[in-house]
Amino acid sequence: MAQITMEGLTKRYPDGYEAVRDMDLAIEDGEFVILVGPSGCGKSTALRMIAGLEDITEGELRIGDEVVNDRAPKDRDIAMVFQNYALYPHMSVRENMGFALKLRKLDQDEINRKVEEAARILDLEQHLDRKPSQLSGGQRQRVAMGRAIVRDPAAFLMDEPLSNLDAKLRVQMRTEVSRIQQRLGTTTVYVTHDQTEAMTLGDRVAVMRSGMLQQVGSPMELYNDPVNLFVAGFIGSPAMNFMPATVHGDSVTLPIADVRLPQGMREKLGRAEGKQLLAGIRPEDFEDAALTGDARDRGSTFPAKIEVLESLGSELYAHFTVTTDQQIESQELRELAEDVGGGEVPMAGEEGHIVARLDPQSGVRVGQESELWVDAARIHLFDPGDGRNLTIDATGPAATGRGQGPEGRDPAVPPREDERPAEGA
């Protein structure tokens, strides 16, 4: 196992296009780090630079204590698991898993020992003599992982390994990947565009956009304290609701209500008095006012006419529309909608569609006006110009890209630049 350190890592193509720009990230020995972002954000390019499949234009890459910028992929002591299984169809599972060891001319008994040990970890013992065509998609992906495990590398690099599986199998394989990584304790870098995978798998998650790191932290740090509008809108499902906001004294005026802010939040927003801001509220920070009990004083209530109700058994999604005479002018919000694949800018005009996640015991009904509640302490306020989150400490998630290992680490985000590169692969 080994630490992976990236300092100022940049990939620039001959035409000047930068797929990755000035990437600083330290991945600790044994840590499981996820690179996540929309298509074209540079996450796969970063992984390929670690693997040696892409040349590094600028910066330094270290695996362990050694600089590996100019080392061939075979000399970096890493193993990759790709989106497609890339198994040899004429070979058995045993032969596929042991093929790399055979090329290294290891003793056959040693190859068998390593393959059988990996097969036990992956629950493939009964399939060792089968061909890939006789296996399910999940089993084939486990064979591909087994081929990496038998090499006992310093690090695993995984490039969207579950994207070819159906939804149910992906959930199952997420658990398998996490269990295997914890058992082996091998440093792992995992690339995905699926934020659910990112939030459920990694020790830390690195969010990328347009070739640049936006924030690095534990899944809950990204969820609770997003440093900017992009991270806030990208992480979470259903996505965060956005609406115009103005701070007046100890309250913030929203299209749904005037909400009294907690003291700590008011102090952070001192310079934003009277300015138009963007408020972000997650669906789960709403509730049916009748069910809030003692928590009612922590927020504000407001009327909402419910248009659609979606019952999932354990939760209830209530959809309603709010109107406002404030027009949001935010390029950041427009770019967020484009980056995450949305067609329209949320709450950009006179009407906005809001989603609230309510307790399934709620008595709200479609077509009726109901009293809902919003948690004042969970409202995020963003600068519409540069997208900064004004309600978190600048010294918190906006620190550095240095991790402190799987047991505890500082979240990170590099300084934001006014000019971003075009989207990278």
Protein backbone atom coordinates (compact mmCIF):
# COMPACT_ATOMS: atom_id res chain seq x y z
CA MET A 1 0.00 0.00 0.00
CA ALA A 2 1.08 3.58 -0.50
CA GLN A 3 0.12 7.21 -0.24
CA ILE A 4 -0.72 9.00 -3.51
CA THR A 5 0.15 12.70 -3.64
CA MET A 6 -0.76 15.11 -6.44
CA GLU A 7 0.77 18.58 -6.41
CA GLY A 8 -0.25 21.06 -9.10
CA LEU A 9 -1.21 18.22 -11.44
CA THR A 10 -2.19 19.61 -14.85
CA LYS A 11 -3.10 18.01 -18.17
CA ARG A 12 -2.88 20.39 -21.13
CA TYR A 13 -3.32 19.18 -24.71
CA PRO A 14 -1.39 20.59 -27.70
CA ASP A 15 -4.29 22.89 -28.63
CA GLY A 16 -4.11 24.52 -25.18
CA TYR A 17 -7.18 22.80 -23.76
CA GLU A 18 -6.77 21.93 -20.06
CA ALA A 19 -8.59 18.79 -18.97
CA VAL A 20 -7.22 19.01 -15.41
CA ARG A 21 -5.82 22.16 -13.86
CA ASP A 22 -3.54 22.56 -10.83
CA MET A 23 -4.90 19.59 -8.88
CA ASP A 24 -3.66 19.22 -5.29
CA LEU A 25 -4.78 16.12 -3.44
CA ALA A 26 -3.13 13.83 -0.89
CA ILE A 27 -4.61 10.33 -0.59
CA GLU A 28 -3.44 8.55 2.54
CA ASP A 29 -2.20 4.99 2.78
CA GLY A 30 -5.23 2.69 2.86
CA GLU A 31 -7.73 5.44 2.12
CA PHE A 32 -10.72 5.08 -0.21
CA VAL A 33 -11.16 8.33 -2.18
CA ILE A 34 -13.88 9.00 -4.75
CA LEU A 35 -13.46 11.41 -7.68
CA VAL A 36 -16.94 12.55 -8.67
CA GLY A 37 -18.40 15.13 -11.02
CA PRO A 38 -20.46 15.57 -14.16
CA SER A 39 -19.39 14.19 -17.51
CA GLY A 40 -16.37 16.06 -18.83
CA CYS A 41 -15.14 17.36 -15.46
CA GLY A 42 -11.66 15.77 -15.71
CA LYS A 43 -12.03 12.94 -13.18
CA SER A 44 -11.10 10.11 -15.57
CA THR A 45 -8.19 12.14 -16.95
CA ALA A 46 -6.87 12.58 -13.40
CA LEU A 47 -7.15 8.83 -12.81
CA ARG A 48 -5.36 8.07 -16.07
CA MET A 49 -2.51 10.39 -15.07
CA ILE A 50 -2.13 8.45 -11.82
CA ALA A 51 -2.08 5.21 -13.84
CA GLY A 52 0.44 6.55 -16.35
CA LEU A 53 -1.97 6.30 -19.28
CA GLU A 54 -1.91 10.10 -19.74
CA ASP A 55 1.24 12.21 -19.70
CA ILE A 56 1.45 14.87 -16.98
CA THR A 57 1.91 18.37 -18.41
CA GLU A 58 2.77 20.09 -15.13
CA GLY A 59 2.97 19.20 -11.47
CA GLU A 60 4.26 16.24 -9.52
CA LEU A 61 2.77 12.83 -8.81
CA ARG A 62 4.15 10.66 -6.01
CA ILE A 63 3.20 7.12 -5.13
CA GLY A 64 4.71 6.43 -1.75
CA ASP A 65 7.88 8.49 -1.53
CA GLU A 66 8.80 8.26 -5.21
CA VAL A 67 8.00 10.69 -8.01
CA VAL A 68 6.46 8.63 -10.83
CA ASN A 69 5.76 11.28 -13.50
CA ASP A 70 7.96 9.55 -16.05
CA ARG A 71 7.45 5.95 -14.99
CA ALA A 72 5.68 3.49 -17.28
CA PRO A 73 2.32 2.18 -16.05
CA LYS A 74 3.78 -1.28 -15.38
CA ASP A 75 6.37 0.22 -13.05
CA ARG A 76 3.91 2.15 -10.83
CA ASP A 77 2.66 -0.85 -8.81
CA ILE A 78 -1.00 -0.03 -9.40
CA ALA A 79 -3.91 -2.13 -10.66
CA MET A 80 -6.87 -0.78 -12.65
CA VAL A 81 -10.46 -1.96 -12.84
CA PHE A 82 -12.27 -0.53 -15.86
CA GLN A 83 -15.90 0.04 -16.82
CA ASN A 84 -15.79 -2.90 -19.23
CA TYR A 85 -14.60 -6.16 -17.73
CA ALA A 86 -11.97 -6.83 -20.43
CA LEU A 87 -11.90 -10.56 -19.71
CA TYR A 88 -10.44 -13.10 -22.12
CA PRO A 89 -13.47 -15.10 -23.33
CA HIS A 90 -11.48 -18.27 -24.09
CA MET A 91 -9.93 -18.40 -20.61
CA SER A 92 -11.53 -19.70 -17.42
CA VAL A 93 -12.04 -17.45 -14.40
CA ARG A 94 -8.92 -18.97 -12.83
CA GLU A 95 -6.85 -18.25 -15.94
CA ASN A 96 -8.19 -14.70 -16.28
CA MET A 97 -7.38 -13.86 -12.67
CA GLY A 98 -3.91 -15.37 -12.81
CA PHE A 99 -2.89 -14.16 -16.28
CA ALA A 100 -0.88 -11.13 -15.08
CA LEU A 101 0.99 -13.30 -12.61
CA LYS A 102 1.74 -15.81 -15.36
CA LEU A 103 3.29 -13.03 -17.47
CA ARG A 104 5.51 -12.21 -14.51
CA LYS A 105 6.63 -15.87 -14.57
CA LEU A 106 5.57 -16.63 -11.01
CA ASP A 107 5.56 -20.24 -9.87
CA GLN A 108 2.25 -21.98 -10.72
CA ASP A 109 1.67 -22.98 -7.10
CA GLU A 110 2.06 -19.33 -6.06
CA ILE A 111 -0.36 -18.24 -8.80
CA ASN A 112 -2.93 -20.81 -7.66
CA ARG A 113 -2.58 -19.72 -4.04
CA LYS A 114 -3.14 -16.03 -4.88
CA VAL A 115 -6.05 -16.75 -7.23
CA GLU A 116 -7.81 -19.00 -4.71
CA GLU A 117 -7.31 -16.47 -1.94
CA ALA A 118 -8.83 -13.72 -4.10
CA ALA A 119 -11.67 -16.05 -5.11
CA ARG A 120 -12.53 -16.58 -1.43
CA ILE A 121 -12.64 -12.83 -0.83
CA LEU A 122 -14.87 -12.32 -3.88
CA ASP A 123 -17.06 -15.41 -3.39
CA LEU A 124 -15.94 -16.85 -6.74
CA GLU A 125 -14.57 -20.21 -5.59
CA GLN A 126 -17.36 -22.19 -7.25
CA HIS A 127 -16.87 -20.34 -10.55
CA LEU A 128 -13.11 -20.72 -11.05
CA ASP A 129 -13.43 -23.23 -13.87
CA ARG A 130 -16.19 -21.39 -15.75
CA LYS A 131 -15.78 -19.14 -18.77
CA PRO A 132 -16.84 -15.45 -18.62
CA SER A 133 -19.83 -16.16 -20.89
CA GLN A 134 -21.25 -18.39 -18.14
CA LEU A 135 -21.22 -15.62 -15.55
CA SER A 136 -23.59 -12.76 -14.68
CA GLY A 137 -22.52 -9.13 -15.03
CA GLY A 138 -21.80 -8.83 -11.32
CA GLN A 139 -19.73 -12.00 -11.34
CA ARG A 140 -17.70 -10.80 -14.32
CA GLN A 141 -16.99 -7.53 -12.53
CA ARG A 142 -15.82 -9.48 -9.49
CA VAL A 143 -13.47 -11.48 -11.75
CA ALA A 144 -12.05 -8.19 -13.07
CA MET A 145 -11.53 -7.06 -9.47
CA GLY A 146 -9.95 -10.40 -8.65
CA ARG A 147 -7.46 -9.94 -11.47
CA ALA A 148 -6.41 -6.69 -9.76
CA ILE A 149 -6.37 -8.14 -6.23
CA VAL A 150 -4.01 -11.05 -7.03
CA ARG A 151 -1.31 -8.58 -8.03
CA ASP A 152 -1.27 -7.19 -4.44
CA PRO A 153 -0.66 -3.64 -5.77
CA ALA A 154 0.15 -0.47 -3.85
CA ALA A 155 -3.12 1.06 -5.05
CA PHE A 156 -6.33 0.21 -6.89
CA LEU A 157 -7.63 2.61 -9.55
CA MET A 158 -11.27 2.06 -10.52
CA ASP A 159 -12.87 3.86 -13.46
CA GLU A 160 -16.68 3.63 -13.16
CA PRO A 161 -16.54 -0.16 -12.64
CA LEU A 162 -20.26 -0.51 -11.89
CA SER A 163 -21.77 1.61 -14.65
CA ASN A 164 -22.54 -1.38 -16.92
CA LEU A 165 -24.62 -3.14 -14.26
CA ASP A 166 -28.38 -2.85 -13.76
CA ALA A 167 -29.69 -0.75 -10.86
CA LYS A 168 -30.27 -3.59 -8.38
CA LEU A 169 -26.90 -5.19 -9.09
CA ARG A 170 -25.15 -1.84 -8.71
CA VAL A 171 -26.51 -1.50 -5.18
CA GLN A 172 -25.29 -5.01 -4.35
CA MET A 173 -21.86 -4.43 -5.91
CA ARG A 174 -21.43 -1.11 -4.07
CA THR A 175 -21.60 -3.06 -0.83
CA GLU A 176 -19.18 -5.65 -2.20
CA VAL A 177 -16.63 -3.06 -3.32
CA SER A 178 -16.76 -1.32 0.06
CA ARG A 179 -16.43 -4.59 1.96
CA ILE A 180 -13.49 -5.76 -0.16
CA GLN A 181 -11.64 -2.46 0.17
CA GLN A 182 -12.06 -2.45 3.94
CA ARG A 183 -10.85 -6.04 4.16
CA LEU A 184 -7.78 -5.47 2.00
CA GLY A 185 -6.99 -1.96 3.27
CA THR A 186 -5.48 -1.02 -0.09
CA THR A 187 -5.31 2.63 -1.16
CA THR A 188 -8.13 3.08 -3.67
CA VAL A 189 -9.09 5.88 -6.09
CA TYR A 190 -12.56 5.38 -7.55
CA VAL A 191 -14.04 7.49 -10.37
CA THR A 192 -17.80 7.87 -10.82
CA HIS A 193 -20.38 10.38 -12.04
CA ASP A 194 -22.97 8.84 -9.69
CA GLN A 195 -23.18 10.90 -6.51
CA THR A 196 -24.98 8.04 -4.72
CA GLU A 197 -21.90 5.84 -5.23
CA ALA A 198 -19.70 8.70 -4.08
CA MET A 199 -21.67 9.28 -0.90
CA THR A 200 -21.93 5.61 0.09
CA LEU A 201 -18.47 4.27 -0.79
CA GLY A 202 -15.67 6.64 0.04
CA ASP A 203 -13.76 7.76 3.13
CA ARG A 204 -13.47 11.09 1.33
CA VAL A 205 -15.05 12.49 -1.79
CA ALA A 206 -13.36 14.93 -4.20
CA VAL A 207 -15.87 16.90 -6.27
CA MET A 208 -14.57 18.09 -9.66
CA ARG A 209 -15.92 20.58 -12.16
CA SER A 210 -14.39 21.80 -15.41
CA GLY A 211 -10.99 20.31 -14.60
CA MET A 212 -10.73 21.77 -11.10
CA LEU A 213 -11.28 20.42 -7.61
CA GLN A 214 -14.21 22.15 -5.94
CA GLN A 215 -14.20 20.51 -2.51
CA VAL A 216 -12.69 17.49 -0.77
CA GLY A 217 -14.15 16.03 2.40
CA SER A 218 -16.13 13.23 3.97
CA PRO A 219 -19.56 12.59 2.42
CA MET A 220 -21.31 14.32 5.32
CA GLU A 221 -18.99 17.34 5.14
CA LEU A 222 -19.92 17.82 1.50
CA TYR A 223 -23.59 17.35 2.28
CA ASN A 224 -23.79 19.61 5.34
CA ASP A 225 -21.17 22.24 4.47
CA PRO A 226 -20.86 22.63 0.68
CA VAL A 227 -18.37 25.39 -0.06
CA ASN A 228 -20.16 26.63 -3.15
CA LEU A 229 -23.35 26.47 -5.13
CA PHE A 230 -22.09 23.75 -7.47
CA VAL A 231 -21.24 21.27 -4.70
CA ALA A 232 -24.53 22.06 -2.93
CA GLY A 233 -26.56 21.43 -6.08
CA PHE A 234 -24.59 18.38 -7.24
CA ILE A 235 -24.62 16.49 -3.93
CA GLY A 236 -28.00 15.29 -2.67
CA SER A 237 -31.03 13.58 -4.16
CA PRO A 238 -33.52 15.10 -4.73
CA ALA A 239 -31.37 18.13 -5.42
CA MET A 240 -31.26 21.23 -3.25
CA ASN A 241 -33.99 23.81 -3.87
CA PHE A 242 -32.80 27.32 -4.82
CA MET A 243 -34.66 30.60 -4.46
CA PRO A 244 -33.86 34.34 -4.16
CA ALA A 245 -33.11 35.69 -0.69
CA THR A 246 -32.39 39.02 1.00
CA VAL A 247 -30.98 39.47 4.51
CA HIS A 248 -32.58 42.19 6.66
CA GLY A 249 -31.32 42.46 10.20
CA ASP A 250 -31.74 39.09 11.92
CA SER A 251 -33.99 37.60 9.22
CA VAL A 252 -33.82 36.44 5.63
CA THR A 253 -36.67 37.17 3.24
CA LEU A 254 -37.55 34.18 1.04
CA PRO A 255 -40.42 33.74 -1.42
CA ILE A 256 -42.00 31.31 1.05
CA ALA A 257 -41.56 33.27 4.30
CA ASP A 258 -39.44 35.63 6.39
CA VAL A 259 -37.17 33.36 8.41
CA ARG A 260 -35.38 34.41 11.59
CA LEU A 261 -31.76 33.26 11.38
CA PRO A 262 -29.71 31.70 14.20
CA GLN A 263 -27.22 34.06 15.86
CA GLY A 264 -24.13 32.34 14.46
CA MET A 265 -25.44 32.59 10.90
CA ARG A 266 -26.36 36.29 11.29
CA GLU A 267 -22.78 37.10 12.31
CA LYS A 268 -21.40 35.44 9.16
CA LEU A 269 -23.81 37.40 6.95
CA GLY A 270 -23.04 40.86 8.32
CA ARG A 271 -21.69 42.20 5.02
CA ALA A 272 -24.55 40.72 3.00
CA GLU A 273 -27.19 43.03 4.51
CA GLY A 274 -29.69 44.09 1.84
CA LYS A 275 -27.93 42.26 -1.02
CA GLN A 276 -29.69 39.76 -3.23
CA LEU A 277 -28.47 36.27 -2.42
CA LEU A 278 -29.39 32.73 -3.37
CA ALA A 279 -30.92 30.52 -0.69
CA GLY A 280 -30.46 26.77 -0.87
CA ILE A 281 -32.77 24.46 1.09
CA ARG A 282 -32.59 20.68 0.92
CA PRO A 283 -35.92 18.82 0.59
CA GLU A 284 -35.42 17.11 3.96
CA ASP A 285 -35.16 20.47 5.74
CA PHE A 286 -38.89 21.00 5.22
CA GLU A 287 -41.56 19.26 7.29
CA ASP A 288 -45.29 19.17 7.84
CA ALA A 289 -45.79 21.89 10.47
CA ALA A 290 -48.20 19.64 12.38
CA LEU A 291 -45.38 17.14 13.03
CA THR A 292 -42.60 19.49 14.14
CA GLY A 293 -43.47 19.52 17.86
CA ASP A 294 -40.81 21.23 19.97
CA ALA A 295 -38.68 21.92 16.85
CA ARG A 296 -41.19 24.48 15.51
CA ASP A 297 -39.36 27.41 17.15
CA ARG A 298 -36.16 26.55 15.24
CA GLY A 299 -37.73 27.61 11.97
CA SER A 300 -40.70 29.24 10.27
CA THR A 301 -44.02 27.99 8.93
CA PHE A 302 -45.62 28.94 5.62
CA PRO A 303 -48.61 27.92 3.48
CA ALA A 304 -48.08 25.78 0.38
CA LYS A 305 -50.57 24.31 -2.08
CA ILE A 306 -49.45 20.74 -2.75
CA GLU A 307 -49.48 19.89 -6.47
CA VAL A 308 -47.96 16.38 -6.49
CA LEU A 309 -47.35 13.80 -3.76
CA GLU A 310 -44.95 10.87 -4.16
CA SER A 311 -45.13 8.22 -1.46
CA LEU A 312 -42.11 5.93 -1.13
CA GLY A 313 -43.27 4.26 2.05
CA SER A 314 -40.51 5.55 4.31
CA GLU A 315 -40.81 9.13 3.04
CA LEU A 316 -43.16 11.46 1.23
CA TYR A 317 -42.16 13.93 -1.49
CA ALA A 318 -44.42 16.98 -1.71
CA HIS A 319 -44.12 19.21 -4.78
CA PHE A 320 -45.36 22.79 -4.77
CA THR A 321 -44.75 26.08 -6.57
CA VAL A 322 -43.70 29.42 -5.10
CA THR A 323 -43.88 32.78 -6.84
CA THR A 324 -41.56 35.75 -6.52
CA ASP A 325 -41.08 39.17 -8.06
CA GLN A 326 -37.29 38.84 -7.68
CA GLN A 327 -35.37 37.79 -10.79
CA ILE A 328 -32.26 35.72 -10.10
CA GLU A 329 -29.22 36.82 -12.09
CA SER A 330 -26.65 34.11 -11.49
CA GLN A 331 -24.32 32.64 -14.08
CA GLU A 332 -23.26 30.10 -11.44
CA LEU A 333 -26.83 28.80 -11.18
CA ARG A 334 -27.14 28.57 -14.96
CA GLU A 335 -23.88 26.64 -15.20
CA LEU A 336 -25.00 24.32 -12.41
CA ALA A 337 -28.16 23.46 -14.34
CA GLU A 338 -26.06 22.70 -17.43
CA ASP A 339 -23.45 20.69 -15.52
CA VAL A 340 -25.95 18.41 -13.81
CA GLY A 341 -28.00 17.93 -16.96
CA GLY A 342 -30.96 20.08 -16.01
CA GLY A 343 -32.77 21.92 -18.77
CA GLU A 344 -34.03 24.89 -16.77
CA VAL A 345 -32.47 27.08 -14.13
CA PRO A 346 -34.31 26.36 -10.86
CA MET A 347 -36.24 29.35 -9.53
CA ALA A 348 -34.77 31.69 -12.16
CA GLY A 349 -38.05 33.34 -13.09
CA GLU A 350 -41.28 34.34 -11.42
CA GLU A 351 -42.19 30.79 -10.42
CA GLY A 352 -40.13 28.04 -8.89
CA HIS A 353 -40.75 24.34 -8.36
CA ILE A 354 -39.94 23.18 -4.81
CA VAL A 355 -39.64 19.63 -3.46
CA ALA A 356 -40.10 18.87 0.24
CA ARG A 357 -39.34 15.50 1.83
CA LEU A 358 -41.90 14.93 4.59
CA ASP A 359 -42.57 12.35 7.25
CA PRO A 360 -44.80 9.57 5.82
CA GLN A 361 -47.27 10.28 8.66
CA SER A 362 -47.94 13.72 7.19
CA GLY A 363 -51.58 14.51 6.47
CA VAL A 364 -50.93 16.82 3.48
CA ARG A 365 -53.13 16.22 0.44
CA VAL A 366 -52.88 17.01 -3.26
CA GLY A 367 -54.76 20.18 -4.22
CA GLN A 368 -55.03 21.39 -0.62
CA GLU A 369 -53.16 24.22 1.03
CA SER A 370 -51.01 22.86 3.82
CA GLU A 371 -48.84 24.43 6.49
CA LEU A 372 -45.19 23.45 6.05
CA TRP A 373 -42.15 24.27 8.15
CA VAL A 374 -38.56 25.09 7.19
CA ASP A 375 -35.53 24.65 9.48
CA ALA A 376 -33.81 28.04 9.76
CA ALA A 377 -30.48 26.50 10.83
CA ARG A 378 -30.29 24.42 7.65
CA ILE A 379 -30.69 27.24 5.12
CA HIS A 380 -27.60 27.90 2.97
CA LEU A 381 -27.03 31.35 1.48
CA PHE A 382 -24.84 31.77 -1.61
CA ASP A 383 -23.28 34.71 -3.40
CA PRO A 384 -24.99 34.69 -6.83
CA GLY A 385 -21.84 36.09 -8.46
CA ASP A 386 -19.18 33.54 -7.56
CA GLY A 387 -21.33 30.87 -5.90
CA ARG A 388 -19.56 30.96 -2.49
CA ASN A 389 -21.48 29.61 0.48
CA LEU A 390 -21.69 32.54 2.90
CA THR A 391 -23.08 30.50 5.79
CA ILE A 392 -20.03 28.32 6.48
CA ASP A 393 -16.66 29.18 7.98
CA ALA A 394 -14.08 30.12 5.34
CA THR A 395 -11.47 28.20 7.37
CA GLY A 396 -13.53 25.01 7.40
CA PRO A 397 -14.19 23.17 4.15
CA ALA A 398 -12.20 25.82 2.27
CA ALA A 399 -8.89 24.73 3.70
CA THR A 400 -6.45 22.50 1.78
CA GLY A 401 -6.35 19.27 -0.17
CA ARG A 402 -4.46 17.39 2.50
CA GLY A 403 -6.08 14.33 3.98
CA GLN A 404 -5.43 12.92 7.44
CA GLY A 405 -6.13 9.27 6.65
CA PRO A 406 -9.33 7.25 6.76
CA GLU A 407 -10.00 7.93 10.46
CA GLY A 408 -10.14 11.73 10.24
CA ARG A 409 -9.19 14.41 7.77
CA ASP A 410 -9.68 18.01 6.87
CA PRO A 411 -12.07 18.83 4.03
CA ALA A 412 -10.57 20.84 1.22
CA VAL A 413 -11.16 23.15 -1.65
CA PRO A 414 -8.56 25.06 -3.68
CA PRO A 415 -8.97 28.81 -4.09
CA ARG A 416 -11.67 29.56 -6.61
CA GLU A 417 -10.54 31.18 -9.86
CA ASP A 418 -12.59 33.58 -11.92
CA GLU A 419 -11.64 31.87 -15.14
CA ARG A 420 -12.33 28.18 -15.48
CA PRO A 421 -11.14 25.95 -18.30
CA ALA A 422 -13.48 24.38 -20.80
CA GLU A 423 -14.91 21.03 -19.71
CA GLY A 424 -12.43 18.19 -19.77
CA ALA A 425 -12.87 14.46 -20.28
